[in-house]
Each structure stands twice: as C-alpha cells, then as structure tokens.
Amino acid sequence: MATIQDTASMVVHDLQTVERYAALFSGSERSSGVYSVRNGKGNIVDRPANAQDYRDHLSGLKHVGVVPIRLDGACWFAAIDVDNHGPNGRDVDPIAIERRVRDEHLPLITCRSKSGGAHLYLFLKEPMAAARVRPLMLRWANILKLAKVEIFPKQTALSKDLAGADNKSVHGNWINLPYQDATQTVRYAIRDGKQLTLAQFLDVAEAARWVFSDDDMLSKGGISIKTLMNDGPPCIQSIFENKLEEGNRNNALFQVGVFLKRAGLDADEFNNKIQDYNAAAFLKPLSAVEVKKVAVSTFNKEYNYRCSEEPCASACQRDLCLKKKFGISGGDVLANEVPDVEKVIKIEGTPVRWHIFFSGKRVVLTTEDLFDYKRFKLRAFEQTHLVLRPLKNLEWERHIQAAMNKPLEIRKVETANDVVFGDLIEYLKRASTDATRAEDERRRDLTRGMPTLVGLKNAGNEIQWMYAFKTEGFIDWLVRRKKLNGPRHEMYSVMRELLGENSKRPLRVGDKVMKNVWTVPKDQVENEPISARDVTTEY
C-alpha cells in the first residue's frame, strides 16, 4: 500500500489513513490554522490544509487547525468546544461527558482537547448549512447541560469582500484537531469510557456520520417538537414542513412560543423546543440572541396568536385550528379578526350616537369614534374589555360601509345636549351678520361677550364665513333667559361634546390674540331648523 513517511519522526501513516482523516475534517477552501508550541500562539494560514499538513499533524510535526465553514456557508463537521475548567475551577471530565452523550443517544464523538477540556464532534454524510448546524449544536449542548461552550463553525457565512471585511469574517475561526502526534497523543477520542486509537477513531467517526433529518434531530431530548405540534395551530406545522426562508421568522417563532406556553411546558423544555423549531423550520435559523428574546417574552406573558400576520396568515386553517387542543380560542379570534358588526343603531340626538353590536357586545360611539379605528378600539376596550387587533383606517372604513349597507335602525331622541344645541343655534342666529362692517370691528364683538361673523381663510386661501363665540358669552346669554340648566363649569364640557375640540381656535382681535374661541360654519348654523323661535338679530 502506498505510504507517506515522515523521516524526522519515523512515524509512517498510510495514504488511506491520511485521506480518511482529511475527509472527516474537510473545511474552508480559503484558510486553515497552525498552532505554535514555541510561543503558544495560533496563526492563520492563507490556504486550506493539505495532505502533507494532515500527515505532519498526525506525525507530531505540526499542530494543525481547520476552519469548519466552507465558502458556500456549509460544513462537513462541527464541534462543541467545552472549556477545560468546570464548576469550582475543576477540570471537566471527558469520560463523564461521553457517558452523557451516550445516554442521550446523540451522534457526537467525544475527544479530549489540547487544553484538557473536550471537543464533541459531529461528522456529516453530506454538507449542511452552518446556519442550521449552529442552533442544533447549541441545542445539544443544552441537553448535555454543558457550560462555557463554543460552537464551531463560529460563523454562518464567510465574507466575499476580502478587502473591506474583518479578519474573522474573511477567514473564520479554526479549531485544533485531535490525534496530534497520534501514537502518543493526549487529544484522543473516548468510546464507552475507553481511549481510542487513531484507527479506532476513524472507524467510529465514519460510522457515526449523520444525515440531517427533522425526525432524527428532534427526537433527541424527550418528546419532539414535531410530535408536540400535532396539538397546535396548523400554520406552525405548515411552516415547519415547508421550511421558511428569511422574512417573518420572528413572527413564526412568536407563534410557536405562544403555543408552547399554552402547552404548559416548564422553562427548560420550553427553551429546548423553541430552539428545536428554530433549527428545523427555517432555512436560515435566527441567532441565539433573537431566539432568547422571543422565548423570554412568550414564556413570561400571556399572548394571543397573531393569526392575521404573515407567515401564519397565508397558512391559516381556521376551522381545523379551532379543533386543536392548543389552537385558537375565542380570545384569539377577537384579537385577530375585524369585528363582525352584527347590528347598527343610530341615535339621532345631539351629538349623534352610534350603537355598534359585535360578538354579542355593544359599544356606544360618537361619529368621530366610529370613523377613527384607533378611537373605536379604545372605546371597545373601555366598554367590553376586549383587545381588538390593529387595523388600517381605510380597511376599517370599508368594513363600516359594508355594515351600513345592512338595514339601519334609527331612533330620534331629544337629549339635554339637543336642547343646549338648539339654544346655541338661536344664540348664534341673533348675532349681527352685517358683512359690510370691518372685520376688526366684528371681531371686537367677542370682547363684549357677543357672537359674531368672521371671515377665515381656508387651505385654498379662500374666505370661509364662520360664526365665532366664547363659552362665557353663551353662558351669560343663557343665564339672562333663565335657560342655564346645571352648573356653569359643565357647559365647557358640553361645548366640546357638541362641537368637537377642533372647532376651538385662537383668534386675533385688534393687537391681541383671544384664545379658546369656538367657530361654527355659517351654512351649518343657518341651515339648522328652529323656525318656532324668534331669532331676530339681538346685537
């Protein structure tokens, strides 16, 4: 058999052994690493490790390292690097770690590391995206209850911009390989508590080569997320089966977190399963930091499902979801759907009131409330304690128009505000409407407690005629006619209710600005029918 012989160490490794070893630790085409015993430092080499490097490593002439991630973002192997110092400063026990790996039936090969810690290697039958490998290895590190670990590959992609990127994103991080100086190595693999020779390691590692499979991967560590999802919303199952690319991954994981919370998992199982979903359902999983944010939020609070948001909206199977043990409930329906308006009653008073009936509830609104969805949502919460989902105002207006096309019940009621409004129209109609008087002269009527007619420029620079008055002048007029029913201070609230806050403005009178002047369009006042009353100009 052909051999590659190192004359310095006189250690002979046959070509087949070197090739098998190199195939297991195939890495970046751009760079590799070398550790110097002389100064205790590692250096990047701007080329991949070759057969001579592997031979020298096994023979004890070099300490070679490999960057696991390739230029296409995939890898042939990965590793969990366990720090050599455990609790209370004691070195970790690779034999005990290997025993836990066996107990959990994980496809990892445990090796003692150069520093006395442990490297847990995963070897693959076909390249797997580093973005999917890393969450998987972190998940298994959690199952093994390992602290102070690093995951290799450390990157999920290498930079293509060699000039502008930093050294790590260009070259990646390399890991020291096992079986340096193989015949007397301290970096050996462990199997069933025993040290393996290089030949035994190659046999075991090749036999343990793993193919990524959702069923296989997610069967590790109790009931799988895939099995658990049978009781959850069909949308998260659909996303899991079809694999989601970038975009809306946070929303999908949020949905999973809400489901796992409702399933009653404890904190450890909750975190394990949400990591499982992240690793298996997304072509490019979210980072550990992003997963933790979603996990903490959904585990510590009670949320509704976000059925109306992507990617769940497109995968929604509402009727089936309602039948699932941890599917949507009535609260989710209200939180995700536009309220289905069952009935509308218009109360023709002053101001007009609308009674909107939906989901067996009634909400009383002003016209302004009705046409502003945010205000409608607030009034609905105040009166029903239901939290409705966000909705664009244009969509809400279309929905209301559809409700108005149904038979509308109208009730005429004269309220106390109706009486006040009638008195206000009479008060304004008694004002002088002599537009030939100078504008400044008419405005000075306000200082004498009198209503008046003013010309205001609108957005188109056109004159719009408005009746203007102060609340105090109107109150005094009611008092003189013995029409003031109730305390004076309540009239300020009544004015806001009748005219709306937008009808109040500052108005220049002479060289001063008068604040809180109410203005009402001239046409609105003059078209208001109060024919039974004498409205001869009084001022």
Protein backbone atom coordinates (compact mmCIF):
# COMPACT_ATOMS: atom_id res chain seq x y z
CA MET A 1 0.00 0.00 0.00
CA ALA A 2 1.26 3.49 -0.78
CA THR A 3 2.60 5.39 2.23
CA ILE A 4 3.51 8.90 3.21
CA GLN A 5 6.55 8.73 5.51
CA ASP A 6 7.88 11.40 7.82
CA THR A 7 11.63 10.88 8.12
CA ALA A 8 12.04 13.14 11.16
CA SER A 9 9.65 11.29 13.46
CA MET A 10 9.89 7.98 11.64
CA VAL A 11 6.13 7.64 12.07
CA VAL A 12 4.55 6.12 9.00
CA HIS A 13 0.91 6.78 8.13
CA ASP A 14 -0.51 5.06 5.11
CA LEU A 15 -2.11 7.26 2.49
CA GLN A 16 -5.54 5.79 3.12
CA THR A 17 -5.39 6.76 6.83
CA VAL A 18 -4.44 10.34 5.98
CA GLU A 19 -7.17 10.59 3.35
CA ARG A 20 -9.83 9.22 5.73
CA TYR A 21 -8.73 11.69 8.40
CA ALA A 22 -8.69 14.60 5.93
CA ALA A 23 -12.18 13.70 4.68
CA LEU A 24 -13.59 13.89 8.22
CA PHE A 25 -12.02 17.30 8.85
CA SER A 26 -12.62 18.91 5.46
CA GLY A 27 -13.03 22.66 5.90
CA SER A 28 -12.56 26.09 4.36
CA GLU A 29 -11.01 26.35 0.91
CA ARG A 30 -9.57 29.74 1.89
CA SER A 31 -7.59 29.19 5.08
CA SER A 32 -6.54 26.90 7.92
CA GLY A 33 -4.68 27.28 11.21
CA VAL A 34 -1.36 26.31 12.78
CA TYR A 35 -0.57 26.28 16.50
CA SER A 36 2.98 27.09 17.54
CA VAL A 37 4.24 25.23 20.62
CA ARG A 38 7.22 27.56 20.80
CA ASN A 39 5.24 30.76 21.56
CA GLY A 40 1.87 29.22 22.45
CA LYS A 41 0.05 31.12 19.70
CA GLY A 42 -2.07 30.17 16.72
CA ASN A 43 -1.79 31.66 13.27
CA ILE A 44 -4.00 31.77 10.20
CA VAL A 45 -2.59 30.24 7.02
CA ASP A 46 -3.96 31.65 3.76
CA ARG A 47 -4.65 28.24 2.21
CA PRO A 48 -6.58 25.09 3.14
CA ALA A 49 -4.89 22.25 4.97
CA ASN A 50 -3.46 19.69 2.55
CA ALA A 51 -2.45 16.03 2.82
CA GLN A 52 1.05 16.98 3.96
CA ASP A 53 -0.38 19.14 6.76
CA TYR A 54 -2.63 16.34 7.99
CA ARG A 55 0.26 13.84 7.82
CA ASP A 56 2.56 16.20 9.74
CA HIS A 57 -0.19 16.77 12.34
CA LEU A 58 -0.71 13.05 12.90
CA SER A 59 3.05 12.51 12.99
CA GLY A 60 3.60 15.19 15.63
CA LEU A 61 5.47 17.73 13.46
CA LYS A 62 2.64 20.29 13.42
CA HIS A 63 -0.43 21.33 15.32
CA VAL A 64 -2.99 21.84 12.55
CA GLY A 65 -6.39 23.52 12.84
CA VAL A 66 -9.28 23.64 10.39
CA VAL A 67 -11.97 26.28 9.76
CA PRO A 68 -15.14 24.13 9.55
CA ILE A 69 -17.22 26.52 7.40
CA ARG A 70 -16.71 26.49 3.64
CA LEU A 71 -17.08 29.40 1.24
CA ASP A 72 -20.63 28.24 0.36
CA GLY A 73 -21.66 28.52 4.04
CA ALA A 74 -21.86 24.73 4.55
CA CYS A 75 -19.73 22.40 6.64
CA TRP A 76 -18.74 18.73 6.78
CA PHE A 77 -18.18 18.71 10.53
CA ALA A 78 -18.99 20.77 13.62
CA ALA A 79 -17.86 20.78 17.23
CA ILE A 80 -18.87 21.77 20.74
CA ASP A 81 -15.76 23.08 22.48
CA VAL A 82 -16.09 22.61 26.24
CA ASP A 83 -13.82 24.83 28.36
CA ASN A 84 -11.34 22.86 30.41
CA HIS A 85 -12.42 24.49 33.68
CA GLY A 86 -15.69 23.31 35.13
CA PRO A 87 -17.51 24.30 38.36
CA ASN A 88 -15.27 25.34 41.28
CA GLY A 89 -12.25 25.51 38.96
CA ARG A 90 -12.06 21.73 38.44
CA ASP A 91 -11.16 20.35 35.03
CA VAL A 92 -14.02 18.83 33.09
CA ASP A 93 -14.21 15.06 32.82
CA PRO A 94 -14.35 13.98 29.14
CA ILE A 95 -15.28 10.44 30.19
CA ALA A 96 -18.33 11.69 32.11
CA ILE A 97 -19.31 13.90 29.14
CA GLU A 98 -19.01 10.94 26.77
CA ARG A 99 -21.27 8.93 29.07
CA ARG A 100 -23.94 11.67 28.91
CA VAL A 101 -23.63 11.76 25.12
CA ARG A 102 -24.36 8.02 25.01
CA ASP A 103 -27.24 8.33 27.47
CA GLU A 104 -28.86 10.99 25.26
CA HIS A 105 -28.17 8.98 22.07
CA LEU A 106 -26.54 11.97 20.37
CA PRO A 107 -24.39 11.40 17.23
CA LEU A 108 -21.35 13.11 18.73
CA ILE A 109 -17.77 11.83 19.13
CA THR A 110 -16.14 12.99 22.36
CA CYS A 111 -12.42 13.82 22.27
CA ARG A 112 -10.10 15.20 24.89
CA SER A 113 -8.91 18.63 23.77
CA LYS A 114 -5.38 20.06 23.76
CA SER A 115 -6.08 22.09 26.91
CA GLY A 116 -7.70 19.26 28.83
CA GLY A 117 -11.29 20.12 28.01
CA ALA A 118 -13.46 18.28 25.50
CA HIS A 119 -14.34 18.61 21.82
CA LEU A 120 -17.62 16.97 20.81
CA TYR A 121 -17.54 16.39 17.06
CA LEU A 122 -20.45 15.95 14.68
CA PHE A 123 -19.48 14.43 11.33
CA LEU A 124 -21.87 14.66 8.39
CA LYS A 125 -22.58 12.44 5.40
CA GLU A 126 -23.34 15.49 3.28
CA PRO A 127 -22.59 19.21 3.74
CA MET A 128 -25.03 21.08 5.93
CA ALA A 129 -25.55 24.87 6.17
CA ALA A 130 -23.64 26.28 9.13
CA ALA A 131 -26.67 28.43 9.90
CA ARG A 132 -28.59 25.23 10.66
CA VAL A 133 -25.74 23.37 12.34
CA ARG A 134 -25.05 26.02 14.99
CA PRO A 135 -28.57 26.05 16.58
CA LEU A 136 -28.50 22.25 16.54
CA MET A 137 -25.17 22.07 18.37
CA LEU A 138 -26.30 24.69 20.90
CA ARG A 139 -29.45 22.65 21.47
CA TRP A 140 -27.41 19.51 22.16
CA ALA A 141 -25.04 21.43 24.45
CA ASN A 142 -28.11 22.43 26.49
CA ILE A 143 -29.35 18.83 26.62
CA LEU A 144 -25.92 17.76 27.92
CA LYS A 145 -26.00 20.64 30.44
CA LEU A 146 -22.59 21.89 29.32
CA ALA A 147 -21.43 25.33 30.47
CA LYS A 148 -18.81 27.60 28.89
CA VAL A 149 -19.01 26.17 25.40
CA GLU A 150 -18.07 27.49 21.97
CA ILE A 151 -19.68 26.19 18.81
CA PHE A 152 -17.70 25.54 15.64
CA PRO A 153 -18.26 26.73 13.00
CA LYS A 154 -18.42 30.10 14.71
CA GLN A 155 -19.67 31.88 11.58
CA THR A 156 -22.71 31.18 9.43
CA ALA A 157 -21.09 32.75 6.36
CA LEU A 158 -17.68 33.97 5.24
CA SER A 159 -17.30 37.41 3.71
CA LYS A 160 -16.83 37.67 -0.06
CA ASP A 161 -15.37 41.16 0.34
CA LEU A 162 -11.76 40.31 1.17
CA ALA A 163 -10.68 43.95 1.26
CA GLY A 164 -13.34 45.58 3.41
CA ALA A 165 -14.20 42.82 5.92
CA ASP A 166 -12.52 41.99 9.21
CA ASN A 167 -10.14 39.02 9.53
CA LYS A 168 -12.62 36.69 11.26
CA SER A 169 -15.38 37.19 8.71
CA VAL A 170 -12.89 36.56 5.88
CA HIS A 171 -11.07 33.55 7.32
CA GLY A 172 -13.39 32.27 10.04
CA ASN A 173 -12.28 30.63 13.31
CA TRP A 174 -10.29 27.42 13.27
CA ILE A 175 -10.30 24.57 15.78
CA ASN A 176 -7.36 22.40 16.83
CA LEU A 177 -7.73 18.86 15.51
CA PRO A 178 -7.49 15.65 17.56
CA TYR A 179 -4.77 12.98 17.33
CA GLN A 180 -1.84 15.35 17.04
CA ASP A 181 1.20 13.03 17.32
CA ALA A 182 -1.24 10.14 17.09
CA THR A 183 0.87 7.36 18.65
CA GLN A 184 1.26 9.25 21.94
CA THR A 185 -1.49 11.83 21.68
CA VAL A 186 -3.31 13.50 24.57
CA ARG A 187 -6.12 14.51 22.14
CA TYR A 188 -7.83 11.16 21.83
CA ALA A 189 -11.41 10.08 21.32
CA ILE A 190 -13.33 8.27 24.03
CA ARG A 191 -15.82 5.48 23.48
CA ASP A 192 -17.59 3.61 26.30
CA GLY A 193 -15.16 5.23 28.72
CA LYS A 194 -12.07 3.97 26.87
CA GLN A 195 -9.39 5.75 24.84
CA LEU A 196 -9.47 5.03 21.10
CA THR A 197 -6.50 4.65 18.79
CA LEU A 198 -6.42 6.67 15.57
CA ALA A 199 -7.61 3.67 13.57
CA GLN A 200 -10.46 3.03 16.01
CA PHE A 201 -11.43 6.71 15.94
CA LEU A 202 -11.63 6.71 12.14
CA ASP A 203 -13.90 3.64 12.17
CA VAL A 204 -16.18 5.07 14.87
CA ALA A 205 -16.34 8.59 13.35
CA GLU A 206 -17.13 7.31 9.86
CA ALA A 207 -19.86 5.03 11.20
CA ALA A 208 -21.35 7.97 13.15
CA ARG A 209 -21.61 10.26 10.12
CA TRP A 210 -25.02 11.82 10.30
CA VAL A 211 -27.62 12.98 7.80
CA PHE A 212 -29.76 15.95 8.82
CA SER A 213 -33.30 14.77 9.48
CA ASP A 214 -36.07 16.57 11.35
CA ASP A 215 -37.36 13.32 12.81
CA ASP A 216 -33.93 12.18 13.94
CA MET A 217 -32.74 15.52 15.24
CA LEU A 218 -35.90 16.42 17.07
CA SER A 219 -36.25 13.04 18.74
CA LYS A 220 -33.33 13.95 20.96
CA GLY A 221 -34.33 15.06 24.43
CA GLY A 222 -37.90 13.94 25.20
CA ILE A 223 -40.98 14.32 23.01
CA SER A 224 -40.12 16.01 19.71
CA ILE A 225 -41.41 19.43 18.72
CA LYS A 226 -42.80 17.78 15.58
CA THR A 227 -44.96 15.43 17.66
CA LEU A 228 -45.91 18.18 20.09
CA MET A 229 -47.16 20.37 17.23
CA ASN A 230 -49.96 17.89 16.49
CA ASP A 231 -51.94 19.67 19.23
CA GLY A 232 -51.10 23.16 17.98
CA PRO A 233 -52.07 25.55 15.18
CA PRO A 234 -51.78 24.03 11.68
CA CYS A 235 -49.92 27.13 10.47
CA ILE A 236 -46.80 26.38 12.55
CA GLN A 237 -46.85 22.78 11.29
CA SER A 238 -47.08 24.01 7.70
CA ILE A 239 -44.15 26.40 8.19
CA PHE A 240 -42.13 23.57 9.77
CA GLU A 241 -42.78 21.19 6.87
CA ASN A 242 -42.21 23.71 4.07
CA LYS A 243 -39.19 25.45 5.65
CA LEU A 244 -39.25 29.24 5.87
CA GLU A 245 -36.65 31.41 4.21
CA GLU A 246 -35.62 34.82 5.58
CA GLY A 247 -38.53 37.12 6.39
CA ASN A 248 -41.23 36.78 9.09
CA ARG A 249 -39.15 34.27 11.07
CA ASN A 250 -39.64 36.27 14.29
CA ASN A 251 -43.43 36.23 13.80
CA ALA A 252 -43.39 32.47 13.18
CA LEU A 253 -41.25 31.83 16.27
CA PHE A 254 -43.52 34.10 18.33
CA GLN A 255 -46.47 31.93 17.28
CA VAL A 256 -44.54 28.83 18.37
CA GLY A 257 -43.73 30.46 21.72
CA VAL A 258 -47.42 31.20 22.36
CA PHE A 259 -48.25 27.57 21.51
CA LEU A 260 -45.52 26.12 23.79
CA LYS A 261 -46.68 28.37 26.64
CA ARG A 262 -50.25 27.10 26.27
CA ALA A 263 -48.97 23.54 26.13
CA GLY A 264 -47.77 24.00 29.72
CA LEU A 265 -44.07 23.21 29.23
CA ASP A 266 -41.64 24.06 32.02
CA ALA A 267 -38.88 26.58 31.35
CA ASP A 268 -36.23 24.05 30.28
CA GLU A 269 -38.50 22.14 27.89
CA PHE A 270 -39.92 25.41 26.57
CA ASN A 271 -36.45 26.68 25.68
CA ASN A 272 -35.42 23.34 24.21
CA LYS A 273 -38.46 23.09 21.95
CA ILE A 274 -38.33 26.68 20.71
CA GLN A 275 -34.67 26.09 19.79
CA ASP A 276 -35.67 22.86 18.02
CA TYR A 277 -38.21 24.72 15.92
CA ASN A 278 -35.73 27.45 15.07
CA ALA A 279 -33.14 24.88 13.96
CA ALA A 280 -35.52 22.77 11.88
CA ALA A 281 -38.18 25.10 10.46
CA PHE A 282 -36.05 27.88 8.98
CA LEU A 283 -33.58 27.53 6.13
CA LYS A 284 -31.52 30.16 7.92
CA PRO A 285 -32.30 29.97 11.65
CA LEU A 286 -32.43 33.05 13.84
CA SER A 287 -29.46 33.86 16.05
CA ALA A 288 -29.35 32.60 19.63
CA VAL A 289 -29.90 36.19 20.85
CA GLU A 290 -33.07 36.61 18.75
CA VAL A 291 -34.42 33.22 19.85
CA LYS A 292 -33.82 34.11 23.50
CA LYS A 293 -35.75 37.40 23.14
CA VAL A 294 -38.79 35.63 21.70
CA ALA A 295 -38.54 32.82 24.27
CA VAL A 296 -38.34 35.17 27.28
CA SER A 297 -41.22 37.31 26.02
CA THR A 298 -43.63 34.48 25.20
CA PHE A 299 -42.81 32.37 28.26
CA ASN A 300 -43.31 35.20 30.76
CA LYS A 301 -46.54 36.67 29.35
CA GLU A 302 -49.90 35.52 28.03
CA TYR A 303 -50.30 36.43 24.36
CA ASN A 304 -52.90 35.80 21.68
CA TYR A 305 -51.91 34.09 18.46
CA ARG A 306 -51.08 36.51 15.63
CA CYS A 307 -53.21 34.75 13.02
CA SER A 308 -53.62 37.83 10.85
CA GLU A 309 -49.87 38.39 10.40
CA GLU A 310 -47.52 36.63 7.99
CA PRO A 311 -46.29 33.96 7.65
CA CYS A 312 -49.21 32.49 9.61
CA ALA A 313 -51.95 34.34 7.72
CA SER A 314 -51.13 32.55 4.45
CA ALA A 315 -51.02 29.15 6.17
CA CYS A 316 -54.18 29.65 8.26
CA GLN A 317 -56.66 26.77 8.58
CA ARG A 318 -59.12 28.40 10.98
CA ASP A 319 -61.72 25.64 11.22
CA LEU A 320 -59.09 22.98 11.89
CA CYS A 321 -57.22 25.23 14.33
CA LEU A 322 -60.36 25.70 16.45
CA LYS A 323 -60.45 21.93 17.00
CA LYS A 324 -56.84 21.67 18.19
CA LYS A 325 -56.17 21.31 21.91
CA PHE A 326 -53.88 24.35 21.89
CA GLY A 327 -55.29 26.02 18.79
CA ILE A 328 -57.05 29.36 18.60
CA SER A 329 -59.71 30.29 21.15
CA GLY A 330 -62.45 32.90 21.24
CA GLY A 331 -59.99 35.47 22.56
CA ASP A 332 -57.65 34.82 19.64
CA VAL A 333 -60.49 35.27 17.18
CA LEU A 334 -61.37 38.67 18.61
CA ALA A 335 -57.71 39.68 18.71
CA ASN A 336 -57.08 38.72 15.11
CA GLU A 337 -60.23 39.45 13.16
CA VAL A 338 -62.02 42.63 12.17
CA PRO A 339 -65.07 42.84 14.44
CA ASP A 340 -68.06 41.37 12.60
CA VAL A 341 -70.63 44.16 13.03
CA GLU A 342 -73.96 42.41 13.59
CA LYS A 343 -76.18 45.47 14.05
CA VAL A 344 -76.04 49.28 13.98
CA ILE A 345 -78.42 51.66 15.74
CA LYS A 346 -78.20 55.39 15.06
CA ILE A 347 -79.40 57.64 17.88
CA GLU A 348 -80.33 60.99 16.33
CA GLY A 349 -79.59 63.31 19.17
CA THR A 350 -77.00 65.99 19.82
CA PRO A 351 -74.44 64.78 19.31
CA VAL A 352 -75.36 61.75 17.19
CA ARG A 353 -74.61 58.43 18.89
CA TRP A 354 -74.00 55.04 17.28
CA HIS A 355 -74.64 51.71 18.97
CA ILE A 356 -72.41 49.08 17.32
CA PHE A 357 -73.08 45.41 18.13
CA PHE A 358 -70.40 42.73 17.53
CA SER A 359 -69.58 39.36 19.12
CA GLY A 360 -72.57 39.77 21.41
CA LYS A 361 -71.20 43.09 22.76
CA ARG A 362 -72.42 46.68 22.36
CA VAL A 363 -70.22 49.75 22.03
CA VAL A 364 -71.61 53.31 22.10
CA LEU A 365 -69.69 55.76 19.89
CA THR A 366 -69.70 59.27 18.55
CA THR A 367 -69.37 59.74 14.80
CA GLU A 368 -65.73 60.73 15.30
CA ASP A 369 -65.14 57.49 17.25
CA LEU A 370 -66.78 55.47 14.52
CA PHE A 371 -64.57 56.78 11.72
CA ASP A 372 -61.26 56.55 13.60
CA TYR A 373 -60.34 52.90 14.18
CA LYS A 374 -57.87 53.68 16.98
CA ARG A 375 -60.61 55.55 18.88
CA PHE A 376 -63.09 52.78 18.14
CA LYS A 377 -60.59 50.23 19.51
CA LEU A 378 -60.14 52.28 22.70
CA ARG A 379 -63.90 52.69 23.22
CA ALA A 380 -64.40 48.96 22.59
CA PHE A 381 -61.81 48.12 25.25
CA GLU A 382 -63.28 50.61 27.76
CA GLN A 383 -66.79 49.20 27.36
CA THR A 384 -66.18 45.48 26.66
CA HIS A 385 -62.60 44.79 27.91
CA LEU A 386 -61.84 43.20 24.52
CA VAL A 387 -58.50 43.94 22.86
CA LEU A 388 -59.04 44.17 19.10
CA ARG A 389 -56.25 43.69 16.60
CA PRO A 390 -54.53 46.62 14.82
CA LEU A 391 -56.17 47.66 11.56
CA LYS A 392 -55.55 50.35 8.97
CA ASN A 393 -58.22 53.05 8.99
CA LEU A 394 -59.01 52.62 5.28
CA GLU A 395 -59.76 48.93 5.81
CA TRP A 396 -61.95 49.79 8.80
CA GLU A 397 -63.92 52.37 6.78
CA ARG A 398 -64.64 49.75 4.12
CA HIS A 399 -65.83 47.41 6.85
CA ILE A 400 -68.11 50.07 8.38
CA GLN A 401 -69.54 50.92 4.96
CA ALA A 402 -70.45 47.27 4.48
CA ALA A 403 -72.18 47.32 7.89
CA MET A 404 -74.09 50.48 6.96
CA ASN A 405 -75.43 48.76 3.85
CA LYS A 406 -77.38 46.45 6.15
CA PRO A 407 -80.80 47.60 7.47
CA LEU A 408 -80.11 50.53 9.80
CA GLU A 409 -82.26 51.23 12.86
CA ILE A 410 -82.72 54.95 13.59
CA ARG A 411 -84.07 56.33 16.85
CA LYS A 412 -84.83 60.01 17.42
CA VAL A 413 -84.17 61.19 20.97
CA GLU A 414 -84.02 64.72 22.34
CA THR A 415 -81.30 64.82 24.91
CA ALA A 416 -80.20 67.60 27.23
CA ASN A 417 -77.49 68.36 24.69
CA ASP A 418 -80.13 68.68 21.98
CA VAL A 419 -81.75 71.46 24.00
CA VAL A 420 -78.40 73.19 24.52
CA PHE A 421 -77.58 72.87 20.81
CA GLY A 422 -80.90 74.44 19.86
CA ASP A 423 -80.21 77.31 22.26
CA LEU A 424 -76.71 77.70 20.75
CA ILE A 425 -78.12 77.96 17.21
CA GLU A 426 -80.61 80.59 18.39
CA TYR A 427 -77.81 82.48 20.16
CA LEU A 428 -75.67 82.49 17.00
CA LYS A 429 -78.54 83.45 14.68
CA ARG A 430 -79.17 86.56 16.81
CA ALA A 431 -75.63 87.76 16.01
CA SER A 432 -75.08 90.57 13.55
CA THR A 433 -74.39 89.19 10.07
CA ASP A 434 -73.59 92.53 8.50
CA ALA A 435 -70.54 91.57 6.47
CA THR A 436 -70.09 95.19 5.39
CA ARG A 437 -68.75 96.00 8.85
CA ALA A 438 -64.98 95.87 9.04
CA GLU A 439 -63.51 92.53 10.09
CA ASP A 440 -61.73 94.05 13.10
CA GLU A 441 -64.96 95.72 14.24
CA ARG A 442 -66.89 92.45 14.02
CA ARG A 443 -64.18 90.58 15.93
CA ARG A 444 -64.30 93.15 18.76
CA ASP A 445 -67.88 91.96 19.43
CA LEU A 446 -66.23 88.93 21.11
CA THR A 447 -64.68 91.16 23.77
CA ARG A 448 -68.21 92.31 24.68
CA GLY A 449 -69.45 88.71 25.11
CA MET A 450 -71.33 88.76 21.78
CA PRO A 451 -71.25 86.17 18.98
CA THR A 452 -70.12 87.45 15.62
CA LEU A 453 -69.48 86.53 11.99
CA VAL A 454 -65.81 86.28 10.91
CA GLY A 455 -64.11 85.50 7.63
CA LEU A 456 -61.28 82.93 7.89
CA LYS A 457 -59.03 81.77 5.09
CA ASN A 458 -59.03 78.04 4.43
CA ALA A 459 -56.22 75.87 2.99
CA GLY A 460 -57.09 77.06 -0.52
CA ASN A 461 -56.72 80.73 0.60
CA GLU A 462 -60.47 81.23 0.19
CA ILE A 463 -62.63 83.07 2.72
CA GLN A 464 -64.85 80.78 4.78
CA TRP A 465 -67.54 82.50 6.86
CA MET A 466 -67.82 81.26 10.42
CA TYR A 467 -69.84 82.17 13.49
CA ALA A 468 -67.47 82.81 16.40
CA PHE A 469 -68.26 82.97 20.12
CA LYS A 470 -66.83 82.47 23.58
CA THR A 471 -68.32 79.96 26.00
CA GLU A 472 -68.64 82.65 28.69
CA GLY A 473 -70.74 84.88 26.40
CA PHE A 474 -73.09 81.98 25.59
CA ILE A 475 -73.44 81.08 29.28
CA ASP A 476 -74.28 84.68 30.19
CA TRP A 477 -76.94 84.73 27.44
CA LEU A 478 -78.49 81.50 28.84
CA VAL A 479 -78.48 82.96 32.36
CA ARG A 480 -80.30 86.13 31.22
CA ARG A 481 -83.01 83.95 29.62
CA LYS A 482 -83.10 81.57 32.55
CA LYS A 483 -82.13 78.69 30.27
CA LEU A 484 -78.99 77.54 32.04
CA ASN A 485 -79.78 74.11 33.46
CA GLY A 486 -76.87 72.97 35.59
CA PRO A 487 -73.55 74.37 36.83
CA ARG A 488 -71.69 76.86 34.62
CA HIS A 489 -68.49 74.76 34.53
CA GLU A 490 -70.29 71.81 32.90
CA MET A 491 -71.01 73.94 29.82
CA TYR A 492 -67.35 73.81 28.79
CA SER A 493 -67.55 70.01 28.52
CA VAL A 494 -70.89 70.26 26.69
CA MET A 495 -69.33 72.60 24.11
CA ARG A 496 -66.51 70.12 23.48
CA GLU A 497 -69.06 67.35 23.09
CA LEU A 498 -71.31 69.34 20.75
CA LEU A 499 -68.70 70.96 18.52
CA GLY A 500 -65.54 68.87 18.92
CA GLU A 501 -62.17 70.13 20.12
CA ASN A 502 -61.12 71.00 16.56
CA SER A 503 -63.75 73.74 16.43
CA LYS A 504 -61.83 75.74 19.04
CA ARG A 505 -59.03 78.06 17.95
CA PRO A 506 -57.15 81.26 18.86
CA LEU A 507 -58.41 84.38 17.05
CA ARG A 508 -56.68 87.73 16.62
CA VAL A 509 -58.78 90.67 17.92
CA GLY A 510 -57.10 94.00 17.40
CA ASP A 511 -53.48 93.72 18.53
CA LYS A 512 -54.17 90.77 20.87
CA VAL A 513 -54.90 87.07 20.42
CA MET A 514 -58.05 85.74 22.07
CA LYS A 515 -57.76 82.06 22.98
CA ASN A 516 -60.44 79.35 23.02
CA VAL A 517 -62.83 80.89 20.51
CA TRP A 518 -65.43 78.49 19.13
CA THR A 519 -66.14 78.65 15.41
CA VAL A 520 -69.09 77.09 13.57
CA PRO A 521 -69.54 77.20 9.76
CA LYS A 522 -72.15 79.82 8.73
CA ASP A 523 -74.00 77.35 6.48
CA GLN A 524 -74.33 74.84 9.30
CA VAL A 525 -75.94 77.43 11.60
CA GLU A 526 -78.29 78.91 9.04
CA ASN A 527 -79.46 75.53 7.75
CA GLU A 528 -80.39 74.34 11.25
CA PRO A 529 -84.20 74.48 11.52
CA ILE A 530 -85.50 76.29 14.63
CA SER A 531 -88.43 78.12 12.99
CA ALA A 532 -90.60 78.07 16.09
CA ARG A 533 -88.28 80.53 17.76
CA ASP A 534 -87.92 84.26 17.26
CA VAL A 535 -84.39 84.76 16.07
CA THR A 536 -84.44 88.47 15.34
CA THR A 537 -80.97 89.95 15.42
CA GLU A 538 -80.34 90.99 19.00
CA TYR A 539 -76.94 92.64 18.93
